[in-house]
Amino acid sequence: MSGPLLDLTPTDPRLAGILGDSHRRFQTLVDEAQAKAAAFYEKTLGRRATIEQVIDEIFAAVEREGDAAVSRYVLAFDGAALPAERLRVGAAEIAAATARTSAPIRAAIDQAVRQVAEYQRKLLPRGFGEDLSQPLGVRWLPVDSAGAYVPGGAAGTLPLFSSVIMNLVPAKVAGVPRTVLVTPPRKDGSIADEVLAAAAAVGVDEVYRIGGIPAIAALAVGTPACPQVDTIVGPGNIFVTLAKRRAYGRVNLDMLAGPSEVLVIADATADPRFVASDLLSQAEHDVLAMCILLVVGEGIADAVQAEVARQLAALPDERRRVASESVLRFGRLVRCPDIATAARISNQVAPEHLELLVADPKAALPLIRNAGAVFVGPWSPEPIGDYLAGPSHTLPTGGGARRWSGIGTDTFMKRSSIINLDQTGFRAMAQAGMAMARAEGLEAHARSIEVRL
């Protein structure tokens, strides 16, 4: 049966587009964005330019001019006229926004903060030998400051306030002394009430109305109004992601993420309605989002195809438009002979989100090696992970799960080794140390050991 999802077999060459090197997939996104960027920059900056050229220009301008440059680019890109003294959102504005936020949303935010904090506390890395009771040890400490980017959608229409929680609660649990939120303003300079209410619930220390490349430049370079941070995290479009790449070295990063992805492994026991709704929950994010279904067994594939078509038609207009294009471009259905084949393909894709909707998930899970997050069974849909479950929803995309993990408390921490030898321990290593130093031609190293003998 034909349907919205491109129907393939495991050996179909068209499957190659969702497999393989994450760098190649990331570059494809960059190339698509470059074509649109030239016209956008001609409109906003009065000249055609590549994304990289504009990133270099903005970073240089922020270094040279500080807040004046940030304000100029906020006006150009977001249409908001904000002098330096208005870039930071004041405590009174945050309190007023929180008061205006509906009680159900405030309750949901509070529940999410509790859930995420409880989970993240379990991820805290443990040191040893910090009391100098052992010859060797390690000490984990938080970075001094962390900044999170939270997208707002076009003209502030999609304020992703859940990202405030998912990016900065782990930083708070890690003990970061200074947490910073940057998010694009609307044309009138305002920020969505829900975003500010989430910032208040998390206990964010500073909030700035700066979006896109200027936001990343401000966090990485630092200005009088917005001092530099040590680590930058958070999702964003390709402009934000490339700006983060430019910032690396000045600051640490979580990852270079791209459009959202979900991969579902389903057998005949899965409910087609659940499968279709979970696929579309990611497709509605972005026309570049990817939804993949790997089916094992008879009947489920055709049933899901029919459900995807039915549920697509029932979405609100704008979400239907986005999801339909996403499914058309990046929706895939692969008919697999067994769970092992599905797991092999999934590991090649290394998806951001992986759902296991199969009869025996305990047997399937050990076969999975590469996934940002794994959602097991019919009652663990990916959107629950987006909002409430506990793990951060900021996860590696584009095959990055082969190499990276999602945000956790350790994202905001660094470790210092402790070497605390006594004379006996030192002497046990001294001869080998001198031999290695002299073999490398480093005589002063050898003598530093030798003088103690």
Protein backbone atom coordinates (compact mmCIF):
# COMPACT_ATOMS: atom_id res chain seq x y z
CA MET A 1 0.00 0.00 0.00
CA SER A 2 1.35 3.41 -0.90
CA GLY A 3 1.11 6.17 1.65
CA PRO A 4 2.68 9.37 2.96
CA LEU A 5 5.86 7.57 4.08
CA LEU A 6 8.24 6.44 1.35
CA ASP A 7 7.98 2.62 1.46
CA LEU A 8 11.37 0.87 1.24
CA THR A 9 13.15 -2.42 1.83
CA PRO A 10 16.40 -2.70 3.84
CA THR A 11 18.41 -3.02 0.61
CA ASP A 12 16.78 -0.11 -1.25
CA PRO A 13 19.50 2.38 -2.32
CA ARG A 14 17.15 5.25 -1.45
CA LEU A 15 17.69 4.35 2.20
CA ALA A 16 21.19 5.87 1.96
CA GLY A 17 19.81 9.36 2.43
CA ILE A 18 19.06 8.72 6.11
CA LEU A 19 22.19 6.73 6.88
CA GLY A 20 25.86 7.42 7.01
CA ASP A 21 28.15 10.20 8.03
CA SER A 22 26.68 12.87 10.29
CA HIS A 23 29.00 15.49 8.80
CA ARG A 24 27.56 14.85 5.34
CA ARG A 25 24.01 15.13 6.63
CA PHE A 26 24.87 18.32 8.51
CA GLN A 27 26.48 19.81 5.41
CA THR A 28 23.33 19.10 3.40
CA LEU A 29 21.39 21.27 5.86
CA VAL A 30 24.00 24.02 5.60
CA ASP A 31 23.85 23.98 1.80
CA GLU A 32 20.05 24.30 1.85
CA ALA A 33 20.23 27.16 4.33
CA GLN A 34 22.86 29.06 2.31
CA ALA A 35 20.50 29.43 -0.63
CA LYS A 36 17.86 31.08 1.56
CA ALA A 37 20.37 33.09 3.57
CA ALA A 38 21.65 35.13 0.63
CA ALA A 39 18.23 36.64 -0.04
CA PHE A 40 17.54 37.10 3.68
CA TYR A 41 20.78 39.03 4.21
CA GLU A 42 20.15 41.16 1.16
CA LYS A 43 16.84 42.18 2.74
CA THR A 44 18.07 42.67 6.33
CA LEU A 45 21.66 43.83 5.80
CA GLY A 46 21.45 45.31 2.31
CA ARG A 47 23.86 42.84 0.71
CA ARG A 48 24.16 39.20 -0.23
CA ALA A 49 26.41 37.12 2.02
CA THR A 50 26.99 33.59 3.25
CA ILE A 51 26.02 32.56 6.75
CA GLU A 52 29.68 32.18 7.71
CA GLN A 53 30.52 35.68 6.45
CA VAL A 54 27.74 37.18 8.56
CA ILE A 55 28.77 35.15 11.61
CA ASP A 56 32.36 36.42 11.29
CA GLU A 57 31.08 39.98 10.85
CA ILE A 58 28.82 39.82 13.91
CA PHE A 59 31.46 38.27 16.17
CA ALA A 60 33.96 40.93 15.10
CA ALA A 61 31.42 43.72 15.61
CA VAL A 62 30.47 42.49 19.09
CA GLU A 63 34.14 42.31 20.04
CA ARG A 64 34.72 45.83 18.72
CA GLU A 65 31.51 47.63 19.70
CA GLY A 66 29.94 45.50 22.43
CA ASP A 67 26.29 46.18 23.22
CA ALA A 68 25.86 48.67 20.38
CA ALA A 69 26.55 45.91 17.86
CA VAL A 70 24.20 43.49 19.62
CA SER A 71 21.38 46.05 19.59
CA ARG A 72 21.99 46.85 15.91
CA TYR A 73 21.71 43.23 14.84
CA VAL A 74 18.70 42.55 17.08
CA LEU A 75 16.95 45.37 15.23
CA ALA A 76 18.04 44.01 11.82
CA PHE A 77 17.05 40.39 12.43
CA ASP A 78 14.20 40.53 14.95
CA GLY A 79 12.85 44.02 14.27
CA ALA A 80 13.08 45.01 17.95
CA ALA A 81 14.59 48.40 18.85
CA LEU A 82 16.40 47.65 22.10
CA PRO A 83 19.10 49.87 23.57
CA ALA A 84 21.75 48.18 25.70
CA GLU A 85 19.93 48.85 28.95
CA ARG A 86 16.86 46.96 27.69
CA LEU A 87 18.65 43.84 26.48
CA ARG A 88 18.39 42.28 29.92
CA VAL A 89 14.89 41.42 31.18
CA GLY A 90 14.29 42.87 34.63
CA ALA A 91 13.02 41.01 37.67
CA ALA A 92 9.75 42.97 37.71
CA GLU A 93 9.00 42.01 34.10
CA ILE A 94 9.70 38.35 34.87
CA ALA A 95 7.43 38.47 37.92
CA ALA A 96 4.62 40.14 35.95
CA ALA A 97 4.90 37.57 33.15
CA THR A 98 4.77 34.75 35.67
CA ALA A 99 1.63 36.23 37.21
CA ARG A 100 -0.02 36.43 33.78
CA THR A 101 0.78 32.80 32.97
CA SER A 102 -2.21 30.54 33.47
CA ALA A 103 -2.34 28.35 36.55
CA PRO A 104 -2.34 25.07 34.56
CA ILE A 105 0.79 26.11 32.66
CA ARG A 106 2.54 27.22 35.86
CA ALA A 107 1.64 23.88 37.47
CA ALA A 108 2.95 22.00 34.44
CA ILE A 109 6.19 24.00 34.52
CA ASP A 110 6.65 23.29 38.23
CA GLN A 111 6.02 19.56 37.70
CA ALA A 112 8.53 19.48 34.83
CA VAL A 113 11.17 21.29 36.91
CA ARG A 114 10.72 18.74 39.73
CA GLN A 115 10.87 15.75 37.38
CA VAL A 116 13.94 16.97 35.52
CA ALA A 117 15.78 17.94 38.71
CA GLU A 118 15.11 14.54 40.28
CA TYR A 119 16.46 12.73 37.21
CA GLN A 120 19.46 15.01 36.80
CA ARG A 121 20.52 14.55 40.43
CA LYS A 122 20.98 10.86 39.63
CA LEU A 123 23.39 11.84 36.82
CA LEU A 124 25.74 13.85 39.04
CA PRO A 125 29.26 12.44 38.62
CA ARG A 126 30.96 11.30 41.81
CA GLY A 127 34.49 12.18 42.81
CA PHE A 128 36.87 10.19 44.98
CA GLY A 129 39.98 10.88 46.99
CA GLU A 130 38.96 14.50 47.51
CA ASP A 131 39.77 14.33 51.22
CA LEU A 132 43.34 13.28 50.34
CA SER A 133 42.80 9.86 51.94
CA GLN A 134 43.89 8.10 48.73
CA PRO A 135 46.96 8.46 46.52
CA LEU A 136 44.83 9.28 43.48
CA GLY A 137 41.46 10.95 43.08
CA VAL A 138 39.21 13.16 41.02
CA ARG A 139 37.19 16.24 41.84
CA TRP A 140 34.13 17.35 39.85
CA LEU A 141 33.20 21.05 39.87
CA PRO A 142 30.65 23.07 37.91
CA VAL A 143 31.70 25.68 35.40
CA ASP A 144 31.34 29.24 36.64
CA SER A 145 28.67 30.22 34.11
CA ALA A 146 26.41 28.67 31.49
CA GLY A 147 24.17 30.18 28.83
CA ALA A 148 21.22 28.50 27.13
CA TYR A 149 19.68 29.50 23.82
CA VAL A 150 15.92 29.01 23.60
CA PRO A 151 14.25 29.47 20.18
CA GLY A 152 11.15 31.57 19.82
CA GLY A 153 9.99 30.69 16.32
CA ALA A 154 9.22 33.23 13.62
CA ALA A 155 8.21 36.52 15.27
CA GLY A 156 7.97 34.76 18.63
CA THR A 157 5.11 32.52 17.51
CA LEU A 158 6.59 29.28 18.93
CA PRO A 159 8.18 30.07 22.31
CA LEU A 160 9.73 26.77 23.37
CA PHE A 161 9.57 27.37 27.11
CA SER A 162 10.17 23.69 27.82
CA SER A 163 13.72 24.24 26.55
CA VAL A 164 14.35 26.64 29.45
CA ILE A 165 13.71 23.73 31.79
CA MET A 166 15.52 21.07 29.81
CA ASN A 167 18.67 23.14 29.31
CA LEU A 168 19.08 24.99 32.58
CA VAL A 169 17.71 22.68 35.27
CA PRO A 170 20.70 20.35 34.66
CA ALA A 171 22.99 23.39 35.06
CA LYS A 172 21.28 24.33 38.31
CA VAL A 173 21.54 20.77 39.64
CA ALA A 174 25.23 20.76 38.67
CA GLY A 175 25.68 23.84 40.85
CA VAL A 176 26.54 26.40 38.16
CA PRO A 177 26.70 29.76 40.02
CA ARG A 178 25.56 31.91 37.06
CA THR A 179 22.91 30.71 34.60
CA VAL A 180 21.92 32.79 31.59
CA LEU A 181 19.02 32.55 29.16
CA VAL A 182 18.99 34.20 25.73
CA THR A 183 15.91 34.12 23.50
CA PRO A 184 14.69 36.18 20.53
CA PRO A 185 12.38 39.12 21.29
CA ARG A 186 9.18 39.91 19.46
CA LYS A 187 9.11 43.12 17.44
CA ASP A 188 7.85 45.05 20.47
CA GLY A 189 10.76 43.70 22.52
CA SER A 190 8.62 41.41 24.63
CA ILE A 191 9.26 37.76 25.51
CA ALA A 192 6.47 35.18 25.80
CA ASP A 193 5.10 35.00 29.34
CA GLU A 194 5.60 31.23 29.47
CA VAL A 195 9.32 31.55 28.73
CA LEU A 196 9.79 34.03 31.56
CA ALA A 197 7.62 31.96 33.90
CA ALA A 198 9.81 28.93 33.17
CA ALA A 199 12.94 31.01 33.80
CA ALA A 200 11.52 32.06 37.18
CA ALA A 201 10.63 28.48 38.11
CA VAL A 202 14.10 27.23 37.20
CA GLY A 203 15.79 30.11 39.03
CA VAL A 204 17.67 31.45 36.01
CA ASP A 205 19.97 34.28 37.07
CA GLU A 206 19.90 36.44 33.91
CA VAL A 207 17.54 36.64 30.93
CA TYR A 208 18.37 38.52 27.71
CA ARG A 209 16.17 39.35 24.73
CA ILE A 210 18.69 38.51 22.04
CA GLY A 211 18.19 35.99 19.26
CA GLY A 212 20.11 34.12 16.59
CA ILE A 213 23.76 34.76 15.81
CA PRO A 214 23.97 37.95 17.94
CA ALA A 215 22.89 35.94 21.00
CA ILE A 216 25.63 33.37 20.55
CA ALA A 217 28.19 36.11 19.85
CA ALA A 218 27.19 37.99 23.01
CA LEU A 219 27.49 34.85 25.16
CA ALA A 220 30.82 33.83 23.60
CA VAL A 221 32.50 37.24 23.39
CA GLY A 222 30.85 39.00 26.30
CA THR A 223 29.65 42.61 26.51
CA PRO A 224 29.09 45.02 29.41
CA ALA A 225 25.38 44.19 29.42
CA CYS A 226 25.83 40.45 28.82
CA PRO A 227 29.11 39.08 30.19
CA GLN A 228 30.72 36.01 28.63
CA VAL A 229 29.77 32.50 29.75
CA ASP A 230 31.88 29.34 29.93
CA THR A 231 29.43 26.93 28.28
CA ILE A 232 26.69 27.47 25.69
CA VAL A 233 23.89 24.94 25.26
CA GLY A 234 20.51 24.73 23.62
CA PRO A 235 18.77 24.09 20.32
CA GLY A 236 18.38 26.51 17.44
CA ASN A 237 18.19 26.78 13.67
CA ILE A 238 21.19 26.31 11.39
CA PHE A 239 22.23 29.95 11.90
CA VAL A 240 22.46 29.40 15.65
CA THR A 241 24.22 26.07 15.22
CA LEU A 242 26.89 27.51 12.92
CA ALA A 243 27.37 30.43 15.30
CA LYS A 244 27.91 27.92 18.12
CA ARG A 245 30.52 26.19 15.98
CA ARG A 246 32.25 29.55 15.50
CA ALA A 247 32.16 30.11 19.28
CA TYR A 248 33.81 26.80 20.15
CA GLY A 249 37.18 27.38 21.79
CA ARG A 250 36.09 30.63 23.39
CA VAL A 251 33.44 28.59 25.18
CA ASN A 252 32.48 24.95 25.53
CA LEU A 253 29.40 23.58 23.74
CA ASP A 254 26.83 20.86 24.27
CA MET A 255 26.76 19.70 20.62
CA LEU A 256 26.00 20.83 17.08
CA ALA A 257 22.39 19.83 16.63
CA GLY A 258 20.14 19.91 13.58
CA PRO A 259 16.44 19.32 12.86
CA SER A 260 14.51 16.89 15.04
CA GLU A 261 14.33 13.16 14.35
CA VAL A 262 12.29 10.18 15.50
CA LEU A 263 12.74 6.55 14.56
CA VAL A 264 10.13 3.99 15.58
CA ILE A 265 10.71 0.24 15.57
CA ALA A 266 7.26 -1.38 15.59
CA ASP A 267 5.92 -4.90 15.25
CA ALA A 268 2.39 -6.24 14.89
CA THR A 269 1.68 -5.60 18.58
CA ALA A 270 1.99 -1.81 18.14
CA ASP A 271 -1.10 0.40 17.93
CA PRO A 272 -1.00 2.10 14.49
CA ARG A 273 -2.61 5.23 15.98
CA PHE A 274 0.19 5.57 18.50
CA VAL A 275 2.88 5.00 15.89
CA ALA A 276 1.44 7.55 13.47
CA SER A 277 0.94 10.21 16.13
CA ASP A 278 4.50 9.78 17.39
CA LEU A 279 5.92 10.12 13.88
CA LEU A 280 3.92 13.30 13.27
CA SER A 281 4.91 14.76 16.64
CA GLN A 282 8.39 15.24 15.20
CA ALA A 283 7.36 16.00 11.61
CA GLU A 284 5.45 19.09 12.79
CA HIS A 285 8.64 20.61 14.22
CA ASP A 286 10.31 21.51 10.95
CA VAL A 287 10.12 20.82 7.22
CA LEU A 288 13.61 19.31 7.65
CA ALA A 289 12.59 17.01 10.51
CA MET A 290 12.92 13.28 9.90
CA CYS A 291 10.45 10.52 10.85
CA ILE A 292 11.35 6.90 10.16
CA LEU A 293 9.34 3.75 10.77
CA LEU A 294 11.02 0.35 10.81
CA VAL A 295 8.34 -2.36 10.77
CA VAL A 296 8.64 -6.05 11.57
CA GLY A 297 5.76 -8.38 10.74
CA GLU A 298 2.63 -8.19 8.63
CA GLY A 299 -0.18 -5.66 8.71
CA ILE A 300 1.38 -2.88 10.74
CA ALA A 301 2.96 -1.01 7.82
CA ASP A 302 -0.24 -0.45 5.84
CA ALA A 303 -2.20 0.40 8.98
CA VAL A 304 0.32 3.08 9.96
CA GLN A 305 0.37 4.54 6.44
CA ALA A 306 -3.40 4.98 6.62
CA GLU A 307 -3.19 6.52 10.10
CA VAL A 308 -0.46 8.97 9.09
CA ALA A 309 -2.63 10.18 6.19
CA ARG A 310 -5.71 10.48 8.42
CA GLN A 311 -3.91 12.27 11.25
CA LEU A 312 -2.05 14.60 8.90
CA ALA A 313 -5.36 15.78 7.45
CA ALA A 314 -6.67 16.52 10.95
CA LEU A 315 -3.79 18.78 12.04
CA PRO A 316 -4.25 22.58 12.21
CA ASP A 317 -3.33 24.30 8.94
CA GLU A 318 0.18 25.52 9.75
CA ARG A 319 1.23 22.33 11.51
CA ARG A 320 -0.24 20.27 8.65
CA ARG A 321 1.75 22.28 6.12
CA VAL A 322 5.02 21.76 7.99
CA ALA A 323 4.41 18.10 8.83
CA SER A 324 3.28 17.24 5.28
CA GLU A 325 6.47 18.64 3.76
CA SER A 326 8.58 16.92 6.39
CA VAL A 327 6.92 13.55 5.73
CA LEU A 328 7.20 14.03 1.98
CA ARG A 329 10.92 14.84 2.14
CA PHE A 330 12.17 12.78 5.07
CA GLY A 331 9.45 10.28 5.99
CA ARG A 332 10.54 6.65 5.51
CA LEU A 333 8.96 3.26 6.11
CA VAL A 334 11.29 0.26 5.95
CA ARG A 335 9.93 -3.29 6.00
CA CYS A 336 12.40 -5.40 8.01
CA PRO A 337 12.47 -9.21 8.24
CA ASP A 338 13.32 -9.18 11.96
CA ILE A 339 14.16 -7.03 14.97
CA ALA A 340 17.90 -7.53 14.44
CA THR A 341 17.70 -5.96 10.98
CA ALA A 342 15.68 -3.05 12.34
CA ALA A 343 18.24 -2.52 15.11
CA ARG A 344 21.10 -2.58 12.60
CA ILE A 345 19.45 0.12 10.48
CA SER A 346 18.58 2.15 13.58
CA ASN A 347 22.20 2.04 14.74
CA GLN A 348 23.29 3.33 11.33
CA VAL A 349 20.80 6.19 11.54
CA ALA A 350 21.72 6.90 15.20
CA PRO A 351 18.47 8.82 15.75
CA GLU A 352 17.84 11.61 18.21
CA HIS A 353 14.73 9.80 19.50
CA LEU A 354 14.14 6.04 19.21
CA GLU A 355 10.86 4.36 20.15
CA LEU A 356 10.64 0.60 20.76
CA LEU A 357 7.01 -0.42 20.20
CA VAL A 358 7.60 -4.16 20.10
CA ALA A 359 6.40 -7.22 21.97
CA ASP A 360 9.73 -7.89 23.68
CA PRO A 361 11.58 -4.61 24.30
CA LYS A 362 13.91 -6.28 26.82
CA ALA A 363 15.32 -8.40 24.02
CA ALA A 364 15.45 -5.48 21.57
CA LEU A 365 17.11 -2.87 23.80
CA PRO A 366 20.53 -4.63 24.05
CA LEU A 367 20.75 -4.48 20.24
CA ILE A 368 20.57 -0.67 20.29
CA ARG A 369 23.92 1.11 20.46
CA ASN A 370 23.29 4.57 19.00
CA ALA A 371 20.35 6.74 20.11
CA GLY A 372 20.00 10.06 21.88
CA ALA A 373 17.10 8.75 23.96
CA VAL A 374 15.16 5.47 23.90
CA PHE A 375 11.41 5.42 24.60
CA VAL A 376 10.17 1.95 25.53
CA GLY A 377 6.61 0.73 25.11
CA PRO A 378 3.28 2.36 24.26
CA TRP A 379 3.15 4.57 27.35
CA SER A 380 6.49 6.33 26.80
CA PRO A 381 5.76 8.56 23.79
CA GLU A 382 8.52 10.90 22.71
CA PRO A 383 6.58 14.11 23.56
CA ILE A 384 6.47 13.06 27.24
CA GLY A 385 10.26 13.11 27.05
CA ASP A 386 10.14 16.52 25.42
CA TYR A 387 8.30 18.02 28.37
CA LEU A 388 8.28 16.08 31.60
CA ALA A 389 9.91 12.69 31.96
CA GLY A 390 13.28 13.89 33.29
CA PRO A 391 16.08 13.42 30.73
CA SER A 392 16.88 16.60 28.80
CA HIS A 393 15.26 16.89 25.40
CA THR A 394 18.40 18.53 23.98
CA LEU A 395 19.87 15.52 22.19
CA PRO A 396 22.32 14.80 19.36
CA THR A 397 20.88 14.72 15.84
CA GLY A 398 22.12 13.92 12.36
CA GLY A 399 23.83 10.71 13.44
CA GLY A 400 25.57 12.50 16.30
CA ALA A 401 24.34 9.90 18.80
CA ARG A 402 27.24 7.74 17.66
CA ARG A 403 29.59 10.19 19.37
CA TRP A 404 27.68 12.48 21.73
CA SER A 405 25.15 12.35 24.53
CA GLY A 406 22.30 14.66 25.37
CA ILE A 407 22.58 17.41 27.96
CA GLY A 408 23.07 16.26 31.54
CA THR A 409 24.62 17.61 34.70
CA ASP A 410 28.05 16.53 33.41
CA THR A 411 27.64 18.94 30.47
CA PHE A 412 28.16 21.74 33.00
CA MET A 413 30.95 20.14 35.01
CA LYS A 414 34.68 19.65 34.68
CA ARG A 415 36.96 17.30 36.53
CA SER A 416 40.33 17.89 38.12
CA SER A 417 42.58 14.92 38.78
CA ILE A 418 44.22 14.66 42.20
CA ILE A 419 47.70 13.11 42.56
CA ASN A 420 48.54 12.70 46.25
CA LEU A 421 51.46 10.26 46.50
CA ASP A 422 53.48 9.51 49.59
CA GLN A 423 57.21 8.78 49.39
CA THR A 424 56.69 5.06 48.96
CA GLY A 425 54.24 5.54 46.11
CA PHE A 426 56.52 8.08 44.46
CA ARG A 427 59.57 5.77 44.63
CA ALA A 428 57.56 2.93 43.08
CA MET A 429 57.09 5.07 39.94
CA ALA A 430 60.31 7.07 39.88
CA GLN A 431 62.60 4.86 37.79
CA ALA A 432 59.95 4.30 35.12
CA GLY A 433 59.19 8.02 35.05
CA MET A 434 62.85 8.98 34.57
CA ALA A 435 63.30 6.38 31.85
CA MET A 436 60.27 7.67 29.93
CA ALA A 437 61.30 11.31 30.32
CA ARG A 438 64.81 10.70 28.99
CA ALA A 439 63.47 8.58 26.12
CA GLU A 440 61.41 11.62 25.11
CA GLY A 441 64.43 13.90 25.42
CA LEU A 442 63.01 15.87 28.36
CA GLU A 443 65.93 15.97 30.80
CA ALA A 444 64.39 18.55 33.14
CA HIS A 445 61.42 16.23 33.59
CA ALA A 446 63.77 13.41 34.57
CA ARG A 447 65.71 15.59 36.98
CA SER A 448 62.49 16.77 38.67
CA ILE A 449 61.96 13.12 39.62
CA GLU A 450 65.62 12.35 40.27
CA VAL A 451 66.18 15.20 42.73
CA ARG A 452 63.64 13.59 45.07
CA LEU A 453 65.43 10.23 45.21
